[in-house]
Amino acid sequence: MVKSAARQPVPARRADAERNIAAILDAGMRLLSTDPAASVADVAKAAGVGRVTLYGHFPSREALVDAVLDHAISIADLALGGVDIDGPPAPEAVAALLRSSWEVLDRHRRLFVAADRVLPMERIREHHDVPLRRIERLIARGRDDGDFRTDLPLSWLVTTFFGVLHSAAQEVEAGRLERADVERVLVTTMLSLLCPRETA
């Protein structure tokens, strides 16, 4: 009887692949957050892998940017999970969430520039689905409490929250908005939209 071949190397190869992917994603997040034009070769070098290895996991620059964006948003979502959106009045919680969101977004602003260049907006929006659920829950609570308007669809208010943050990053990158003014502009803009005129 012929013995079946040993399969010990498979788990080792899988562990190597996972380490390579983690190194590529970390390097990609670091480089693209500094230079949105960073090349695949730049990322491979920073990750300590060859281009062939990188392309084995991410077959195109678009696929790499897509994965790096997802990685960055997952890390950001963990950080934003520490913002209390259930205790304070909804307007205060929105202001706190905007400030924390901008703090995270500003660190990776140029990564979003890279994503804008190669990914459709709908795909970028899909990556934000999980953190946007937190925003949806907060706005819904504000509506139930009478703090936020109910004459516009909840989904539209959530989309506007996303759009305003995204636009702020673009405006800062283009030099049309001072970084020192962003938090005030974000909070004023969103609360003026969310709150009824008499309570804004």
N, C-alpha and C. Protein backbone atom coordinates (compact mmCIF):
# COMPACT_ATOMS: atom_id res chain seq x y z
N MET A 1 0.84 -1.19 0.00
CA MET A 1 0.00 0.00 0.00
C MET A 1 0.89 1.25 0.00
N VAL A 2 0.55 2.20 -0.85
CA VAL A 2 1.32 3.45 -0.92
C VAL A 2 0.80 4.40 0.15
N LYS A 3 1.72 4.87 0.94
CA LYS A 3 1.32 5.81 1.99
C LYS A 3 1.02 7.17 1.38
N SER A 4 0.01 7.82 1.93
CA SER A 4 -0.32 9.16 1.44
C SER A 4 0.79 10.13 1.82
N ALA A 5 1.00 11.11 0.97
CA ALA A 5 2.07 12.09 1.21
C ALA A 5 1.79 12.90 2.47
N ALA A 6 2.85 13.19 3.19
CA ALA A 6 2.70 14.02 4.41
C ALA A 6 2.24 15.41 4.00
N ARG A 7 1.41 16.01 4.84
CA ARG A 7 0.86 17.32 4.52
C ARG A 7 1.34 18.40 5.49
N GLN A 8 2.43 18.14 6.18
CA GLN A 8 2.93 19.10 7.16
C GLN A 8 3.26 20.47 6.58
N PRO A 9 3.84 20.56 5.36
CA PRO A 9 4.23 21.89 4.88
C PRO A 9 3.07 22.83 4.62
N VAL A 10 1.85 22.31 4.43
CA VAL A 10 0.72 23.17 4.08
C VAL A 10 0.43 24.23 5.14
N PRO A 11 0.28 23.81 6.43
CA PRO A 11 0.05 24.84 7.44
C PRO A 11 1.17 25.87 7.50
N ALA A 12 2.42 25.41 7.29
CA ALA A 12 3.55 26.33 7.31
C ALA A 12 3.42 27.35 6.19
N ARG A 13 3.04 26.86 4.99
CA ARG A 13 2.88 27.78 3.87
C ARG A 13 1.74 28.77 4.15
N ARG A 14 0.67 28.28 4.77
CA ARG A 14 -0.45 29.16 5.07
C ARG A 14 -0.04 30.24 6.07
N ALA A 15 0.74 29.85 7.08
CA ALA A 15 1.21 30.83 8.07
C ALA A 15 2.11 31.87 7.41
N ASP A 16 2.98 31.42 6.50
CA ASP A 16 3.85 32.36 5.78
C ASP A 16 3.01 33.33 4.97
N ALA A 17 1.99 32.81 4.29
CA ALA A 17 1.13 33.66 3.47
C ALA A 17 0.42 34.69 4.32
N GLU A 18 -0.07 34.28 5.50
CA GLU A 18 -0.77 35.22 6.38
C GLU A 18 0.17 36.31 6.88
N ARG A 19 1.41 35.91 7.18
CA ARG A 19 2.40 36.91 7.63
C ARG A 19 2.70 37.89 6.50
N ASN A 20 2.84 37.35 5.29
CA ASN A 20 3.13 38.22 4.14
C ASN A 20 1.99 39.20 3.89
N ILE A 21 0.75 38.69 3.96
CA ILE A 21 -0.41 39.56 3.74
C ILE A 21 -0.46 40.66 4.80
N ALA A 22 -0.23 40.29 6.07
CA ALA A 22 -0.25 41.29 7.15
C ALA A 22 0.83 42.33 6.93
N ALA A 23 2.03 41.89 6.50
CA ALA A 23 3.13 42.83 6.26
C ALA A 23 2.81 43.75 5.08
N ILE A 24 2.20 43.19 4.05
CA ILE A 24 1.83 44.00 2.87
C ILE A 24 0.78 45.04 3.23
N LEU A 25 -0.24 44.64 3.99
CA LEU A 25 -1.30 45.57 4.36
C LEU A 25 -0.77 46.69 5.26
N ASP A 26 0.08 46.33 6.22
CA ASP A 26 0.65 47.35 7.10
C ASP A 26 1.54 48.31 6.32
N ALA A 27 2.38 47.76 5.43
CA ALA A 27 3.25 48.61 4.62
C ALA A 27 2.43 49.49 3.68
N GLY A 28 1.40 48.90 3.09
CA GLY A 28 0.54 49.67 2.19
C GLY A 28 -0.16 50.80 2.90
N MET A 29 -0.65 50.54 4.09
CA MET A 29 -1.34 51.59 4.85
C MET A 29 -0.36 52.71 5.21
N ARG A 30 0.85 52.33 5.60
CA ARG A 30 1.86 53.33 5.98
C ARG A 30 2.29 54.17 4.78
N LEU A 31 2.59 53.52 3.66
CA LEU A 31 3.08 54.24 2.49
C LEU A 31 2.00 55.06 1.81
N LEU A 32 0.82 54.47 1.61
CA LEU A 32 -0.25 55.20 0.91
C LEU A 32 -0.80 56.35 1.75
N SER A 33 -0.66 56.25 3.07
CA SER A 33 -1.10 57.36 3.93
C SER A 33 -0.11 58.52 3.87
N THR A 34 1.07 58.26 3.32
CA THR A 34 2.07 59.31 3.14
C THR A 34 2.11 59.79 1.70
N ASP A 35 2.05 58.81 0.77
CA ASP A 35 2.14 59.13 -0.66
C ASP A 35 1.10 58.32 -1.42
N PRO A 36 0.01 58.95 -1.86
CA PRO A 36 -1.04 58.20 -2.56
C PRO A 36 -0.58 57.60 -3.89
N ALA A 37 0.58 58.04 -4.38
CA ALA A 37 1.10 57.51 -5.64
C ALA A 37 2.10 56.38 -5.42
N ALA A 38 2.29 55.94 -4.18
CA ALA A 38 3.24 54.86 -3.90
C ALA A 38 2.93 53.66 -4.79
N SER A 39 3.98 53.07 -5.35
CA SER A 39 3.80 51.98 -6.31
C SER A 39 3.72 50.62 -5.62
N VAL A 40 3.33 49.62 -6.39
CA VAL A 40 3.31 48.24 -5.88
C VAL A 40 4.72 47.84 -5.47
N ALA A 41 5.72 48.24 -6.26
CA ALA A 41 7.10 47.91 -5.93
C ALA A 41 7.52 48.55 -4.60
N ASP A 42 7.09 49.79 -4.37
CA ASP A 42 7.39 50.47 -3.10
C ASP A 42 6.80 49.70 -1.92
N VAL A 43 5.54 49.27 -2.07
CA VAL A 43 4.87 48.55 -0.99
C VAL A 43 5.54 47.21 -0.75
N ALA A 44 5.87 46.50 -1.84
CA ALA A 44 6.53 45.19 -1.70
C ALA A 44 7.86 45.34 -0.96
N LYS A 45 8.64 46.34 -1.34
CA LYS A 45 9.93 46.56 -0.69
C LYS A 45 9.75 46.87 0.79
N ALA A 46 8.80 47.75 1.11
CA ALA A 46 8.57 48.12 2.52
C ALA A 46 8.06 46.93 3.33
N ALA A 47 7.34 46.02 2.67
CA ALA A 47 6.80 44.84 3.36
C ALA A 47 7.82 43.73 3.48
N GLY A 48 8.94 43.85 2.76
CA GLY A 48 9.96 42.83 2.79
C GLY A 48 9.62 41.59 1.97
N VAL A 49 8.82 41.80 0.93
CA VAL A 49 8.46 40.69 0.04
C VAL A 49 8.76 41.10 -1.40
N GLY A 50 8.80 40.11 -2.28
CA GLY A 50 9.01 40.40 -3.69
C GLY A 50 7.71 40.79 -4.36
N ARG A 51 7.83 41.42 -5.52
CA ARG A 51 6.63 41.82 -6.26
C ARG A 51 5.79 40.61 -6.66
N VAL A 52 6.46 39.50 -6.98
CA VAL A 52 5.74 38.28 -7.37
C VAL A 52 4.88 37.80 -6.20
N THR A 53 5.45 37.85 -5.00
CA THR A 53 4.69 37.45 -3.81
C THR A 53 3.50 38.37 -3.60
N LEU A 54 3.73 39.68 -3.73
CA LEU A 54 2.63 40.64 -3.54
C LEU A 54 1.53 40.40 -4.56
N TYR A 55 1.92 40.24 -5.82
CA TYR A 55 0.92 40.02 -6.87
C TYR A 55 0.20 38.69 -6.70
N GLY A 56 0.84 37.75 -6.02
CA GLY A 56 0.18 36.47 -5.74
C GLY A 56 -1.01 36.64 -4.81
N HIS A 57 -0.95 37.66 -3.96
CA HIS A 57 -2.07 37.94 -3.04
C HIS A 57 -3.00 39.03 -3.57
N PHE A 58 -2.41 40.01 -4.25
CA PHE A 58 -3.18 41.16 -4.76
C PHE A 58 -2.81 41.35 -6.23
N PRO A 59 -3.62 40.86 -7.14
CA PRO A 59 -3.24 40.79 -8.56
C PRO A 59 -3.13 42.13 -9.29
N SER A 60 -3.52 43.22 -8.65
CA SER A 60 -3.43 44.53 -9.29
C SER A 60 -3.27 45.59 -8.22
N ARG A 61 -2.87 46.78 -8.65
CA ARG A 61 -2.76 47.88 -7.69
C ARG A 61 -4.13 48.22 -7.11
N GLU A 62 -5.17 48.13 -7.95
CA GLU A 62 -6.53 48.39 -7.45
C GLU A 62 -6.89 47.42 -6.33
N ALA A 63 -6.55 46.13 -6.53
CA ALA A 63 -6.86 45.13 -5.50
C ALA A 63 -6.08 45.41 -4.22
N LEU A 64 -4.84 45.87 -4.38
CA LEU A 64 -4.02 46.20 -3.21
C LEU A 64 -4.61 47.39 -2.45
N VAL A 65 -4.94 48.46 -3.17
CA VAL A 65 -5.52 49.64 -2.53
C VAL A 65 -6.84 49.29 -1.86
N ASP A 66 -7.65 48.48 -2.51
CA ASP A 66 -8.93 48.05 -1.95
C ASP A 66 -8.72 47.34 -0.61
N ALA A 67 -7.75 46.42 -0.58
CA ALA A 67 -7.49 45.65 0.65
C ALA A 67 -6.90 46.53 1.74
N VAL A 68 -6.01 47.45 1.36
CA VAL A 68 -5.41 48.35 2.34
C VAL A 68 -6.47 49.27 2.94
N LEU A 69 -7.37 49.76 2.11
CA LEU A 69 -8.45 50.62 2.60
C LEU A 69 -9.32 49.86 3.60
N ASP A 70 -9.67 48.63 3.26
CA ASP A 70 -10.48 47.81 4.17
C ASP A 70 -9.76 47.60 5.50
N HIS A 71 -8.46 47.34 5.42
CA HIS A 71 -7.63 47.14 6.62
C HIS A 71 -7.64 48.39 7.49
N ALA A 72 -7.44 49.55 6.86
CA ALA A 72 -7.38 50.81 7.61
C ALA A 72 -8.72 51.12 8.27
N ILE A 73 -9.81 50.87 7.56
CA ILE A 73 -11.14 51.17 8.11
C ILE A 73 -11.47 50.23 9.26
N SER A 74 -11.02 48.97 9.17
CA SER A 74 -11.25 48.03 10.27
C SER A 74 -10.54 48.49 11.54
N ILE A 75 -9.31 48.98 11.38
CA ILE A 75 -8.56 49.50 12.54
C ILE A 75 -9.24 50.76 13.08
N ALA A 76 -9.67 51.63 12.19
CA ALA A 76 -10.35 52.86 12.61
C ALA A 76 -11.64 52.55 13.35
N ASP A 77 -12.37 51.54 12.88
CA ASP A 77 -13.64 51.20 13.51
C ASP A 77 -13.43 50.74 14.95
N LEU A 78 -12.34 50.03 15.19
CA LEU A 78 -12.02 49.60 16.57
C LEU A 78 -11.78 50.83 17.44
N ALA A 79 -11.08 51.81 16.90
CA ALA A 79 -10.81 53.04 17.67
C ALA A 79 -12.09 53.81 17.95
N LEU A 80 -12.97 53.89 16.95
CA LEU A 80 -14.21 54.65 17.11
C LEU A 80 -15.19 53.93 18.04
N GLY A 81 -14.99 52.63 18.24
CA GLY A 81 -15.85 51.89 19.15
C GLY A 81 -15.78 52.40 20.58
N GLY A 82 -14.73 53.16 20.89
CA GLY A 82 -14.58 53.71 22.24
C GLY A 82 -15.37 54.98 22.47
N VAL A 83 -15.98 55.53 21.42
CA VAL A 83 -16.78 56.75 21.57
C VAL A 83 -18.17 56.37 22.08
N ASP A 84 -18.59 56.98 23.18
CA ASP A 84 -19.91 56.69 23.77
C ASP A 84 -21.00 57.38 22.95
N ILE A 85 -21.78 56.58 22.24
CA ILE A 85 -22.86 57.17 21.44
C ILE A 85 -24.23 56.92 22.07
N ASP A 86 -24.26 56.29 23.23
CA ASP A 86 -25.54 55.98 23.87
C ASP A 86 -25.83 56.82 25.10
N GLY A 87 -24.79 57.31 25.77
CA GLY A 87 -24.98 58.04 27.02
C GLY A 87 -25.33 59.51 26.85
N PRO A 88 -24.47 60.29 26.18
CA PRO A 88 -24.72 61.73 26.09
C PRO A 88 -25.91 62.04 25.18
N PRO A 89 -26.46 63.26 25.26
CA PRO A 89 -27.47 63.67 24.28
C PRO A 89 -26.93 63.48 22.88
N ALA A 90 -27.81 63.15 21.95
CA ALA A 90 -27.38 62.81 20.59
C ALA A 90 -26.52 63.89 19.93
N PRO A 91 -26.87 65.20 20.05
CA PRO A 91 -26.01 66.21 19.41
C PRO A 91 -24.58 66.19 19.95
N GLU A 92 -24.43 65.99 21.27
CA GLU A 92 -23.09 65.92 21.86
C GLU A 92 -22.35 64.68 21.36
N ALA A 93 -23.07 63.57 21.25
CA ALA A 93 -22.45 62.33 20.78
C ALA A 93 -22.02 62.45 19.32
N VAL A 94 -22.82 63.12 18.50
CA VAL A 94 -22.45 63.33 17.10
C VAL A 94 -21.18 64.17 17.01
N ALA A 95 -21.11 65.22 17.82
CA ALA A 95 -19.92 66.08 17.81
C ALA A 95 -18.68 65.28 18.21
N ALA A 96 -18.81 64.45 19.25
CA ALA A 96 -17.68 63.64 19.70
C ALA A 96 -17.27 62.63 18.63
N LEU A 97 -18.26 62.02 17.98
CA LEU A 97 -17.97 61.03 16.95
C LEU A 97 -17.32 61.68 15.73
N LEU A 98 -17.76 62.87 15.38
CA LEU A 98 -17.15 63.59 14.27
C LEU A 98 -15.69 63.92 14.57
N ARG A 99 -15.43 64.40 15.77
CA ARG A 99 -14.05 64.75 16.13
C ARG A 99 -13.14 63.53 16.10
N SER A 100 -13.63 62.42 16.66
CA SER A 100 -12.82 61.20 16.67
C SER A 100 -12.66 60.64 15.26
N SER A 101 -13.72 60.71 14.46
CA SER A 101 -13.65 60.21 13.09
C SER A 101 -12.65 61.01 12.28
N TRP A 102 -12.66 62.33 12.47
CA TRP A 102 -11.71 63.16 11.72
C TRP A 102 -10.28 62.88 12.17
N GLU A 103 -10.09 62.69 13.46
CA GLU A 103 -8.75 62.41 13.98
C GLU A 103 -8.16 61.17 13.30
N VAL A 104 -9.00 60.13 13.15
CA VAL A 104 -8.56 58.91 12.49
C VAL A 104 -8.39 59.14 10.99
N LEU A 105 -9.37 59.78 10.37
CA LEU A 105 -9.35 60.00 8.93
C LEU A 105 -8.16 60.86 8.51
N ASP A 106 -7.85 61.86 9.31
CA ASP A 106 -6.76 62.76 8.96
C ASP A 106 -5.42 62.03 8.89
N ARG A 107 -5.24 61.02 9.74
CA ARG A 107 -4.00 60.24 9.71
C ARG A 107 -3.85 59.48 8.40
N HIS A 108 -4.98 59.10 7.80
CA HIS A 108 -4.94 58.29 6.57
C HIS A 108 -5.55 59.04 5.38
N ARG A 109 -5.53 60.36 5.45
CA ARG A 109 -6.19 61.17 4.43
C ARG A 109 -5.68 60.83 3.03
N ARG A 110 -4.39 60.63 2.89
CA ARG A 110 -3.83 60.39 1.56
C ARG A 110 -4.12 58.98 1.06
N LEU A 111 -4.38 58.08 1.97
CA LEU A 111 -4.84 56.74 1.55
C LEU A 111 -6.19 56.87 0.84
N PHE A 112 -7.04 57.75 1.35
CA PHE A 112 -8.34 57.95 0.70
C PHE A 112 -8.19 58.63 -0.66
N VAL A 113 -7.16 59.46 -0.78
CA VAL A 113 -6.87 60.05 -2.09
C VAL A 113 -6.49 58.94 -3.07
N ALA A 114 -5.64 58.01 -2.61
CA ALA A 114 -5.25 56.87 -3.45
C ALA A 114 -6.47 56.04 -3.84
N ALA A 115 -7.37 55.82 -2.88
CA ALA A 115 -8.58 55.04 -3.16
C ALA A 115 -9.47 55.76 -4.15
N ASP A 116 -9.60 57.08 -4.01
CA ASP A 116 -10.41 57.87 -4.95
C ASP A 116 -9.93 57.72 -6.39
N ARG A 117 -8.64 57.55 -6.55
CA ARG A 117 -8.06 57.48 -7.89
C ARG A 117 -8.32 56.16 -8.60
N VAL A 118 -8.51 55.08 -7.83
CA VAL A 118 -8.60 53.77 -8.49
C VAL A 118 -9.88 52.99 -8.18
N LEU A 119 -10.64 53.43 -7.19
CA LEU A 119 -11.84 52.68 -6.80
C LEU A 119 -13.09 53.52 -7.04
N PRO A 120 -14.19 52.87 -7.47
CA PRO A 120 -15.44 53.61 -7.59
C PRO A 120 -15.93 54.07 -6.22
N MET A 121 -16.62 55.20 -6.18
CA MET A 121 -17.12 55.74 -4.91
C MET A 121 -18.01 54.73 -4.19
N GLU A 122 -18.81 53.98 -4.95
CA GLU A 122 -19.70 53.00 -4.33
C GLU A 122 -18.91 51.94 -3.57
N ARG A 123 -17.74 51.56 -4.11
CA ARG A 123 -16.89 50.58 -3.42
C ARG A 123 -16.31 51.18 -2.14
N ILE A 124 -15.89 52.43 -2.21
CA ILE A 124 -15.37 53.09 -1.01
C ILE A 124 -16.46 53.18 0.05
N ARG A 125 -17.67 53.48 -0.38
CA ARG A 125 -18.80 53.56 0.55
C ARG A 125 -19.08 52.20 1.19
N GLU A 126 -18.98 51.12 0.41
CA GLU A 126 -19.20 49.76 0.94
C GLU A 126 -18.23 49.45 2.07
N HIS A 127 -17.01 49.90 1.94
CA HIS A 127 -16.01 49.64 2.99
C HIS A 127 -16.40 50.30 4.31
N HIS A 128 -17.23 51.33 4.24
CA HIS A 128 -17.64 52.05 5.45
C HIS A 128 -18.95 51.52 6.05
N ASP A 129 -19.48 50.45 5.50
CA ASP A 129 -20.79 49.97 5.95
C ASP A 129 -20.84 49.71 7.46
N VAL A 130 -19.79 49.08 8.00
CA VAL A 130 -19.81 48.74 9.43
C VAL A 130 -19.76 50.00 10.30
N PRO A 131 -18.78 50.91 10.12
CA PRO A 131 -18.79 52.13 10.95
C PRO A 131 -20.03 52.99 10.74
N LEU A 132 -20.60 52.96 9.52
CA LEU A 132 -21.79 53.78 9.27
C LEU A 132 -23.01 53.24 10.00
N ARG A 133 -23.01 51.97 10.35
CA ARG A 133 -24.12 51.44 11.15
C ARG A 133 -24.17 52.10 12.52
N ARG A 134 -22.99 52.40 13.07
CA ARG A 134 -22.92 53.09 14.36
C ARG A 134 -23.53 54.50 14.22
N ILE A 135 -23.20 55.16 13.15
CA ILE A 135 -23.73 56.51 12.91
C ILE A 135 -25.24 56.45 12.71
N GLU A 136 -25.70 55.45 11.98
CA GLU A 136 -27.14 55.29 11.75
C GLU A 136 -27.88 55.10 13.07
N ARG A 137 -27.30 54.28 13.96
CA ARG A 137 -27.94 54.04 15.26
C ARG A 137 -28.00 55.33 16.08
N LEU A 138 -26.94 56.12 16.02
CA LEU A 138 -26.91 57.38 16.77
C LEU A 138 -27.92 58.38 16.22
N ILE A 139 -27.98 58.53 14.91
CA ILE A 139 -28.93 59.47 14.33
C ILE A 139 -30.36 59.02 14.60
N ALA A 140 -30.61 57.71 14.53
CA ALA A 140 -31.94 57.18 14.83
C ALA A 140 -32.33 57.50 16.27
N ARG A 141 -31.40 57.38 17.19
CA ARG A 141 -31.70 57.72 18.59
C ARG A 141 -32.02 59.20 18.72
N GLY A 142 -31.25 60.04 18.03
CA GLY A 142 -31.51 61.47 18.08
C GLY A 142 -32.89 61.82 17.54
N ARG A 143 -33.31 61.11 16.52
CA ARG A 143 -34.65 61.34 15.97
C ARG A 143 -35.72 60.91 16.97
N ASP A 144 -35.50 59.76 17.61
CA ASP A 144 -36.47 59.26 18.61
C ASP A 144 -36.57 60.21 19.80
N ASP A 145 -35.43 60.82 20.16
CA ASP A 145 -35.40 61.74 21.31
C ASP A 145 -35.91 63.13 20.97
N GLY A 146 -36.17 63.39 19.69
CA GLY A 146 -36.63 64.71 19.27
C GLY A 146 -35.53 65.72 19.04
N ASP A 147 -34.27 65.26 19.05
CA ASP A 147 -33.14 66.17 18.85
C ASP A 147 -32.84 66.38 17.36
N PHE A 148 -33.13 65.38 16.54
CA PHE A 148 -32.78 65.45 15.12
C PHE A 148 -34.03 65.43 14.25
N ARG A 149 -33.91 65.99 13.11
CA ARG A 149 -35.03 66.12 12.18
C ARG A 149 -35.50 64.74 11.71
N THR A 150 -36.77 64.67 11.39
CA THR A 150 -37.37 63.43 10.88
C THR A 150 -37.99 63.61 9.50
N ASP A 151 -37.81 64.82 8.92
CA ASP A 151 -38.43 65.09 7.63
C ASP A 151 -37.57 64.65 6.44
N LEU A 152 -36.36 64.15 6.72
CA LEU A 152 -35.49 63.61 5.68
C LEU A 152 -35.20 62.14 5.99
N PRO A 153 -35.00 61.32 4.97
CA PRO A 153 -34.76 59.89 5.21
C PRO A 153 -33.51 59.66 6.05
N LEU A 154 -33.59 58.69 6.95
CA LEU A 154 -32.45 58.35 7.80
C LEU A 154 -31.24 57.97 6.93
N SER A 155 -31.48 57.19 5.88
CA SER A 155 -30.38 56.75 5.03
C SER A 155 -29.66 57.94 4.39
N TRP A 156 -30.43 58.99 4.06
CA TRP A 156 -29.83 60.18 3.45
C TRP A 156 -28.96 60.92 4.47
N LEU A 157 -29.40 61.00 5.71
CA LEU A 157 -28.62 61.67 6.75
C LEU A 157 -27.32 60.93 7.01
N VAL A 158 -27.37 59.60 6.99
CA VAL A 158 -26.16 58.79 7.18
C VAL A 158 -25.20 59.01 6.01
N THR A 159 -25.73 59.00 4.80
CA THR A 159 -24.90 59.23 3.61
C THR A 159 -24.27 60.61 3.65
N THR A 160 -25.02 61.60 4.14
CA THR A 160 -24.49 62.95 4.23
C THR A 160 -23.34 63.02 5.23
N PHE A 161 -23.48 62.32 6.35
CA PHE A 161 -22.41 62.25 7.35
C PHE A 161 -21.14 61.74 6.68
N PHE A 162 -21.27 60.64 5.94
CA PHE A 162 -20.12 60.07 5.23
C PHE A 162 -19.56 61.05 4.21
N GLY A 163 -20.46 61.68 3.44
CA GLY A 163 -20.03 62.60 2.40
C GLY A 163 -19.31 63.82 2.94
N VAL A 164 -19.80 64.35 4.05
CA VAL A 164 -19.18 65.54 4.63
C VAL A 164 -17.76 65.23 5.12
N LEU A 165 -17.60 64.09 5.78
CA LEU A 165 -16.27 63.69 6.26
C LEU A 165 -15.31 63.48 5.08
N HIS A 166 -15.79 62.78 4.08
CA HIS A 166 -14.98 62.49 2.90
C HIS A 166 -14.57 63.79 2.20
N SER A 167 -15.51 64.70 2.08
CA SER A 167 -15.23 65.98 1.43
C SER A 167 -14.23 66.81 2.22
N ALA A 168 -14.31 66.74 3.55
CA ALA A 168 -13.37 67.48 4.37
C ALA A 168 -11.94 67.02 4.09
N ALA A 169 -11.75 65.71 3.96
CA ALA A 169 -10.41 65.18 3.66
C ALA A 169 -9.92 65.70 2.31
N GLN A 170 -10.82 65.72 1.32
CA GLN A 170 -10.44 66.21 0.00
C GLN A 170 -10.09 67.70 0.03
N GLU A 171 -10.87 68.47 0.77
CA GLU A 171 -10.64 69.92 0.84
C GLU A 171 -9.32 70.24 1.54
N VAL A 172 -9.00 69.51 2.60
CA VAL A 172 -7.72 69.71 3.28
C VAL A 172 -6.58 69.35 2.35
N GLU A 173 -6.70 68.22 1.67
CA GLU A 173 -5.65 67.78 0.75
C GLU A 173 -5.44 68.79 -0.37
N ALA A 174 -6.51 69.43 -0.82
CA ALA A 174 -6.41 70.41 -1.90
C ALA A 174 -5.97 71.79 -1.41
N GLY A 175 -5.89 71.96 -0.08
CA GLY A 175 -5.46 73.24 0.47
C GLY A 175 -6.56 74.28 0.56
N ARG A 176 -7.81 73.84 0.41
CA ARG A 176 -8.92 74.79 0.47
C ARG A 176 -9.54 74.90 1.87
N LEU A 177 -9.14 74.03 2.76
CA LEU A 177 -9.64 74.05 4.13
C LEU A 177 -8.48 73.82 5.08
N GLU A 178 -8.35 74.70 6.06
CA GLU A 178 -7.26 74.58 7.03
C GLU A 178 -7.56 73.44 8.00
N ARG A 179 -6.54 72.66 8.30
CA ARG A 179 -6.73 71.53 9.23
C ARG A 179 -7.22 72.02 10.59
N ALA A 180 -6.75 73.20 11.01
CA ALA A 180 -7.15 73.73 12.32
C ALA A 180 -8.64 74.04 12.37
N ASP A 181 -9.28 74.22 11.22
CA ASP A 181 -10.69 74.58 11.19
C ASP A 181 -11.63 73.39 10.99
N VAL A 182 -11.06 72.21 10.69
CA VAL A 182 -11.89 71.09 10.23
C VAL A 182 -12.91 70.66 11.27
N GLU A 183 -12.49 70.47 12.51
CA GLU A 183 -13.43 69.95 13.52
C GLU A 183 -14.61 70.91 13.68
N ARG A 184 -14.33 72.20 13.78
CA ARG A 184 -15.41 73.18 13.92
C ARG A 184 -16.34 73.16 12.71
N VAL A 185 -15.75 73.10 11.53
CA VAL A 185 -16.55 73.09 10.30
C VAL A 185 -17.41 71.82 10.23
N LEU A 186 -16.84 70.68 10.57
CA LEU A 186 -17.59 69.42 10.53
C LEU A 186 -18.76 69.44 11.50
N VAL A 187 -18.49 69.81 12.74
CA VAL A 187 -19.54 69.80 13.76
C VAL A 187 -20.64 70.80 13.41
N THR A 188 -20.26 72.00 13.02
CA THR A 188 -21.25 73.02 12.67
C THR A 188 -22.10 72.58 11.48
N THR A 189 -21.45 72.03 10.47
CA THR A 189 -22.16 71.59 9.26
C THR A 189 -23.16 70.49 9.58
N MET A 190 -22.70 69.45 10.29
CA MET A 190 -23.59 68.31 10.52
C MET A 190 -24.72 68.64 11.49
N LEU A 191 -24.43 69.40 12.54
CA LEU A 191 -25.50 69.72 13.49
C LEU A 191 -26.51 70.67 12.87
N SER A 192 -26.06 71.55 11.99
CA SER A 192 -27.02 72.44 11.32
C SER A 192 -27.94 71.64 10.39
N LEU A 193 -27.42 70.54 9.87
CA LEU A 193 -28.25 69.68 9.01
C LEU A 193 -29.16 68.78 9.83
N LEU A 194 -28.63 68.21 10.91
CA LEU A 194 -29.38 67.20 11.67
C LEU A 194 -30.45 67.81 12.57
N CYS A 195 -30.17 68.97 13.14
CA CYS A 195 -31.08 69.52 14.13
C CYS A 195 -32.17 70.38 13.49
N PRO A 196 -33.38 70.29 14.01
CA PRO A 196 -34.44 71.20 13.54
C PRO A 196 -33.99 72.65 13.74
N ARG A 197 -34.51 73.55 12.93
CA ARG A 197 -34.06 74.93 12.95
C ARG A 197 -34.12 75.53 14.36
N GLU A 198 -35.18 75.22 15.12
CA GLU A 198 -35.34 75.87 16.42
C GLU A 198 -34.35 75.36 17.46
N THR A 199 -33.70 74.18 17.22
CA THR A 199 -32.76 73.67 18.21
C THR A 199 -31.34 73.64 17.69
N ALA A 200 -31.12 74.04 16.44
CA ALA A 200 -29.78 73.94 15.83
C ALA A 200 -28.82 74.89 16.56
